């Protein structure tokens, strides 16, 4: 029962050290710094102050640009993954969409981007992602490879979101969907970066060596001297001591000191009485008999 109680008491500590690091990982949200989009039909129009962003490839092509806060992880943090979160407020034409997402490679501003004045992009490292367009709401896209480029030293100039096929001249489906921009005040896009730290190794307990018992050397016997006994016997219940060989076993040696004194007094009294009787007898024999008168 005691072992069960101890196991229950230490169970949280065991879970803490044995649980995978992904469960204990930390996260940091990178908020939107600026965002806008460009429209092919209106090549010189600026959309930087709109409360929405549109991605489409039906009737007209619209492309989105979003820049996020810098990815500054704490010292010693190990990067795990990055998820782009955005909110779709309107959908059109089909039930799913596929997009290309990649790194923007030139500085840009919300008030300067137009279709005719788009920033350069890293097309070779763009990733693709598909998601549902059945209804509005939040969506997630794994952008780990892109954020890793920032952590490796690529300058953070934001991400682009293009309809799939625009980069390569092919189109699978035609669609249009609308995202919330930072001007909407809520539900704007962000990137959640997850990371963890290497667990601090638990130092191994220092073992304290058990001291070996010190052996007491047997004393040497000196000629003419009896061997001394160095060990102290453990006291026991008053056993009757055994007689060693050669020890006298006569009656007088089995008596106590009080008994010996009493016997000595008795013997002394008998001796005094004997002497007294003897002296009295001698005096009586030495008296002369009185003469009888005629």
Protein backbone atom coordinates (compact mmCIF):
# COMPACT_ATOMS: atom_id res chain seq x y z
CA UNK A 1 0.00 0.00 0.00
CA UNK A 2 2.86 2.36 0.82
CA UNK A 3 4.37 1.75 -2.64
CA UNK A 4 1.08 2.56 -4.36
CA UNK A 5 0.81 5.86 -2.44
CA UNK A 6 4.37 6.80 -3.41
CA UNK A 7 3.68 6.01 -7.10
CA UNK A 8 0.57 8.23 -7.10
CA UNK A 9 2.51 11.05 -5.43
CA UNK A 10 5.36 11.00 -7.96
CA UNK A 11 3.19 10.31 -11.06
CA UNK A 12 3.03 14.00 -12.19
CA UNK A 13 6.83 14.25 -12.03
CA UNK A 14 7.22 11.03 -14.05
CA UNK A 15 4.80 12.30 -16.71
CA UNK A 16 6.61 15.65 -16.86
CA UNK A 17 10.01 14.09 -17.68
CA UNK A 18 8.80 11.17 -19.77
CA UNK A 19 6.23 13.01 -21.91
CA UNK A 20 7.32 13.81 -25.50
CA UNK A 21 8.82 17.26 -26.02
CA UNK A 22 6.11 18.13 -28.61
CA UNK A 23 3.50 18.09 -25.82
CA UNK A 24 5.59 20.46 -23.74
CA UNK A 25 6.45 22.69 -26.75
CA UNK A 26 6.11 26.46 -26.68
CA UNK A 27 4.45 28.59 -29.35
CA UNK A 28 4.75 32.14 -30.62
CA UNK A 29 2.25 33.97 -32.87
CA UNK A 30 3.61 36.29 -35.60
CA UNK A 31 1.01 38.96 -36.27
CA UNK A 32 0.36 40.66 -39.61
CA UNK A 33 2.44 43.78 -40.18
CA UNK A 34 1.03 44.72 -43.60
CA UNK A 35 -1.12 43.09 -46.29
CA UNK A 36 -2.65 43.88 -49.67
CA UNK A 37 -3.54 42.30 -53.01
CA UNK A 38 -3.22 43.07 -56.73
CA UNK A 39 -5.91 42.70 -59.40
CA UNK A 40 -5.09 41.94 -63.05
CA UNK A 41 -8.25 43.68 -64.29
CA UNK A 42 -7.27 46.91 -62.54
CA UNK A 43 -3.46 46.85 -62.97
CA UNK A 44 -2.80 50.24 -61.37
CA UNK A 45 -5.23 50.10 -58.48
CA UNK A 46 -3.97 49.99 -54.86
CA UNK A 47 -5.84 47.82 -52.31
CA UNK A 48 -3.67 48.36 -49.24
CA UNK A 49 -6.36 50.02 -47.18
CA UNK A 50 -9.13 47.47 -47.80
CA UNK A 51 -10.53 45.33 -44.97
CA UNK A 52 -10.29 42.18 -47.11
CA UNK A 53 -7.92 40.30 -49.41
CA UNK A 54 -9.03 38.31 -52.49
CA UNK A 55 -7.39 35.32 -54.17
CA UNK A 56 -9.02 34.29 -57.44
CA UNK A 57 -8.40 32.85 -60.92
CA UNK A 58 -11.93 33.13 -62.38
CA UNK A 59 -12.74 36.12 -64.60
CA UNK A 60 -9.69 37.89 -63.17
CA UNK A 61 -6.53 36.91 -61.31
CA UNK A 62 -5.96 38.35 -57.85
CA UNK A 63 -2.80 37.68 -55.79
CA UNK A 64 -2.20 38.42 -52.08
CA UNK A 65 0.87 39.66 -50.18
CA UNK A 66 1.18 39.48 -46.38
CA UNK A 67 4.16 40.40 -44.22
CA UNK A 68 4.43 39.10 -40.64
CA UNK A 69 6.50 39.97 -37.60
CA UNK A 70 10.08 38.70 -37.55
CA UNK A 71 10.67 35.18 -36.30
CA UNK A 72 12.77 35.83 -33.22
CA UNK A 73 12.88 32.64 -31.20
CA UNK A 74 14.29 32.57 -27.65
CA UNK A 75 17.91 31.61 -27.22
CA UNK A 76 18.33 27.85 -27.27
CA UNK A 77 14.89 27.23 -28.84
CA UNK A 78 14.59 24.43 -31.43
CA UNK A 79 12.17 25.17 -34.27
CA UNK A 80 9.44 22.56 -34.83
CA UNK A 81 6.84 23.87 -37.27
CA UNK A 82 4.94 26.94 -38.46
CA UNK A 83 1.23 27.19 -39.30
CA UNK A 84 -0.38 29.99 -41.32
CA UNK A 85 -3.84 30.83 -39.95
CA UNK A 86 -6.35 32.94 -41.87
CA UNK A 87 -10.09 33.52 -41.89
CA UNK A 88 -12.21 33.09 -45.03
CA UNK A 89 -15.20 35.41 -45.07
CA UNK A 90 -16.53 34.65 -48.56
CA UNK A 91 -16.25 31.79 -51.11
CA UNK A 92 -17.33 31.45 -54.74
CA UNK A 93 -17.72 28.92 -57.53
CA UNK A 94 -16.27 25.65 -56.17
CA UNK A 95 -15.91 23.64 -52.93
CA UNK A 96 -12.10 23.54 -52.76
CA UNK A 97 -9.08 25.57 -53.69
CA UNK A 98 -5.40 25.00 -54.26
CA UNK A 99 -2.85 27.78 -53.87
CA UNK A 100 0.89 28.39 -54.10
CA UNK A 101 2.62 30.12 -51.18
CA UNK A 102 6.19 31.38 -51.19
CA UNK A 103 8.66 34.01 -50.06
CA UNK A 104 8.56 37.61 -51.23
CA UNK A 105 12.11 38.75 -52.06
CA UNK A 106 11.74 42.52 -52.42
CA UNK A 107 10.65 45.23 -50.00
CA UNK A 108 7.15 46.49 -50.67
CA UNK A 109 4.48 48.76 -49.19
CA UNK A 110 0.72 48.59 -48.93
CA UNK A 111 0.35 51.86 -50.82
CA UNK A 112 2.72 50.98 -53.67
CA UNK A 113 1.78 47.46 -54.77
CA UNK A 114 -0.35 47.21 -57.92
CA UNK A 115 -0.63 44.58 -60.61
CA UNK A 116 1.88 46.49 -62.65
CA UNK A 117 4.15 47.01 -59.67
CA UNK A 118 4.34 43.64 -57.92
CA UNK A 119 7.37 42.65 -55.75
CA UNK A 120 9.69 39.86 -56.83
CA UNK A 121 9.14 36.39 -55.36
CA UNK A 122 11.03 33.11 -54.80
CA UNK A 123 9.09 30.88 -57.16
CA UNK A 124 11.45 27.90 -56.88
CA UNK A 125 10.78 27.33 -53.17
CA UNK A 126 7.03 27.94 -53.27
CA UNK A 127 4.84 25.30 -51.67
CA UNK A 128 1.31 24.25 -52.62
CA UNK A 129 -1.69 23.66 -50.39
CA UNK A 130 -5.32 22.67 -50.89
CA UNK A 131 -8.23 23.34 -48.53
CA UNK A 132 -12.01 23.33 -48.47
CA UNK A 133 -14.17 26.23 -49.60
CA UNK A 134 -17.39 24.80 -48.19
CA UNK A 135 -18.39 27.61 -45.90
CA UNK A 136 -16.56 30.41 -44.20
CA UNK A 137 -14.26 30.17 -41.20
CA UNK A 138 -10.67 29.60 -40.22
CA UNK A 139 -8.15 27.71 -42.32
CA UNK A 140 -4.63 26.45 -41.65
CA UNK A 141 -1.68 25.87 -43.97
CA UNK A 142 1.65 24.36 -42.93
CA UNK A 143 4.36 26.84 -43.94
CA UNK A 144 7.23 25.22 -42.03
CA UNK A 145 9.65 25.13 -45.02
CA UNK A 146 9.14 28.86 -45.62
CA UNK A 147 9.62 29.99 -42.03
CA UNK A 148 12.68 27.76 -41.80
CA UNK A 149 14.22 29.84 -44.62
CA UNK A 150 13.81 32.94 -42.46
CA UNK A 151 15.44 31.19 -39.53
CA UNK A 152 18.34 30.20 -41.78
CA UNK A 153 19.00 33.83 -42.70
CA UNK A 154 16.60 34.76 -45.52
CA UNK A 155 15.24 38.26 -44.94
CA UNK A 156 11.61 38.35 -43.91
CA UNK A 157 9.80 40.33 -46.63
CA UNK A 158 6.52 38.46 -46.30
CA UNK A 159 4.64 35.73 -48.16
CA UNK A 160 2.70 35.67 -51.40
CA UNK A 161 -0.48 33.65 -52.02
CA UNK A 162 -1.21 32.90 -55.66
CA UNK A 163 -3.90 30.73 -57.25
CA UNK A 164 -2.36 27.36 -58.08
CA UNK A 165 -1.22 27.27 -61.69
CA UNK A 166 -0.56 30.98 -62.05
CA UNK A 167 3.20 30.36 -61.66
CA UNK A 168 3.23 27.50 -64.19
CA UNK A 169 0.52 28.44 -66.63
CA UNK A 170 -1.92 25.66 -65.67
CA UNK A 171 -5.20 25.77 -63.76
CA UNK A 172 -7.08 22.89 -62.10
CA UNK A 173 -10.19 24.68 -60.82
CA UNK A 174 -11.50 28.21 -60.97
CA UNK A 175 -12.47 29.86 -57.74
CA UNK A 176 -12.42 32.99 -55.62
CA UNK A 177 -12.24 33.41 -51.86
CA UNK A 178 -11.89 36.38 -49.55
CA UNK A 179 -9.66 36.69 -46.47
CA UNK A 180 -9.88 39.13 -43.59
CA UNK A 181 -7.13 41.77 -43.72
CA UNK A 182 -5.49 43.58 -40.81
CA UNK A 183 -7.75 46.59 -41.48
CA UNK A 184 -10.77 44.47 -40.48
CA UNK A 185 -9.55 44.65 -36.89
CA UNK A 186 -10.20 40.98 -36.10
CA UNK A 187 -9.48 37.55 -37.55
CA UNK A 188 -6.50 38.77 -39.55
CA UNK A 189 -3.89 36.26 -40.61
CA UNK A 190 -1.00 35.16 -38.40
CA UNK A 191 1.68 32.50 -38.25
CA UNK A 192 2.00 30.33 -35.17
CA UNK A 193 5.57 29.12 -34.70
CA UNK A 194 6.08 26.11 -32.45
CA UNK A 195 9.40 25.29 -30.83
CA UNK A 196 10.86 23.47 -27.87
CA UNK A 197 13.97 23.32 -25.74
CA UNK A 198 16.24 20.40 -25.11
CA UNK A 199 15.43 18.98 -21.68
CA UNK A 200 18.03 19.71 -19.06
CA UNK A 201 19.84 16.43 -18.34
CA UNK A 202 19.23 15.14 -14.86
CA UNK A 203 22.59 14.76 -13.10
CA UNK A 204 23.32 11.25 -12.03
CA UNK A 205 23.34 10.89 -8.28
CA UNK A 206 26.81 10.68 -6.79
CA UNK A 207 27.17 7.34 -5.14
CA UNK A 208 28.68 7.45 -1.67
CA UNK A 209 30.90 4.40 -1.20
CA UNK A 210 30.05 2.31 1.81
CA UNK A 211 33.11 2.28 4.07
CA UNK A 212 34.58 -1.14 4.57
CA UNK A 213 34.64 -2.32 8.20
CA UNK A 214 37.99 -1.74 9.86
CA UNK A 215 39.43 -5.03 10.96
CA UNK A 216 40.82 -5.12 14.51
CA UNK A 217 44.15 -6.95 14.50
CA UNK A 218 44.50 -9.82 16.92
CA UNK A 219 46.95 -8.73 19.64
CA UNK A 220 50.16 -10.68 19.78
CA UNK A 221 50.84 -12.83 22.85
CA UNK A 222 53.86 -11.65 24.79
CA UNK A 223 55.87 -14.35 26.48
CA UNK A 224 54.65 -14.86 30.05
CA UNK A 225 51.54 -12.70 29.54
CA UNK A 226 48.08 -14.04 28.95
CA UNK A 227 46.32 -13.07 25.70
CA UNK A 228 43.98 -10.10 26.13
CA UNK A 229 40.49 -10.26 24.82
CA UNK A 230 39.66 -7.06 22.86
CA UNK A 231 36.15 -7.79 21.80
CA UNK A 232 33.32 -6.69 24.08
CA UNK A 233 30.81 -9.51 24.47
CA UNK A 234 27.17 -8.68 23.87
CA UNK A 235 25.37 -8.70 27.24
CA UNK A 236 22.94 -11.58 27.60
CA UNK A 237 20.50 -12.74 30.21
CA UNK A 238 22.48 -13.81 33.28
CA UNK A 239 23.40 -17.34 32.20
CA UNK A 240 24.96 -19.69 34.77
CA UNK A 241 28.68 -19.37 34.13
CA UNK A 242 30.34 -22.58 33.03
CA UNK A 243 33.21 -23.83 35.11
CA UNK A 244 36.49 -23.73 33.36
CA UNK A 245 38.72 -26.80 33.41
CA UNK A 246 40.90 -26.93 36.49
CA UNK A 247 38.53 -24.79 38.61
CA UNK A 248 37.65 -26.14 42.11
CA UNK A 249 34.12 -27.34 42.61
CA UNK A 250 34.13 -27.82 46.45
CA UNK A 251 31.20 -26.81 48.63
CA UNK A 252 32.87 -23.74 50.07
CA UNK A 253 33.52 -22.28 46.67
CA UNK A 254 29.88 -22.52 45.77
CA UNK A 255 28.84 -20.39 48.80
CA UNK A 256 28.21 -16.70 48.76
CA UNK A 257 30.23 -14.23 50.80
CA UNK A 258 27.42 -13.81 53.37
CA UNK A 259 27.15 -17.53 53.84
CA UNK A 260 30.90 -17.79 54.36
CA UNK A 261 30.81 -15.05 57.05
CA UNK A 262 27.96 -16.78 58.92
CA UNK A 263 29.78 -20.11 58.87
CA UNK A 264 32.94 -18.36 60.04
CA UNK A 265 31.07 -16.82 63.01
CA UNK A 266 29.57 -20.19 63.94
CA UNK A 267 32.98 -21.82 63.83
CA UNK A 268 34.41 -18.96 65.91
CA UNK A 269 31.65 -19.36 68.53
CA UNK A 270 32.25 -23.11 68.73
CA UNK A 271 35.96 -22.49 69.14
CA UNK A 272 35.36 -19.96 71.95
CA UNK A 273 32.93 -22.36 73.65
CA UNK A 274 35.44 -25.21 73.44
CA UNK A 275 38.19 -23.09 74.86
CA UNK A 276 35.95 -21.95 77.72
CA UNK A 277 34.98 -25.53 78.61
CA UNK A 278 38.61 -26.59 78.51
CA UNK A 279 39.74 -23.76 80.81
CA UNK A 280 36.93 -24.45 83.28
CA UNK A 281 37.85 -28.15 83.41
CA UNK A 282 41.47 -27.42 84.13
CA UNK A 283 40.62 -25.00 86.99
CA UNK A 284 38.31 -27.54 88.58
CA UNK A 285 40.91 -30.27 88.52
CA UNK A 286 43.52 -28.07 90.18
CA UNK A 287 41.45 -27.32 93.34
CA UNK A 288 42.60 -29.27 96.42
CA UNK A 289 40.04 -31.37 98.29
CA UNK A 290 39.15 -30.14 101.84
CA UNK A 291 40.04 -32.40 104.85
CA UNK A 292 37.21 -33.82 106.85
CA UNK A 293 37.11 -32.96 110.57
CA UNK A 294 37.25 -35.81 113.00
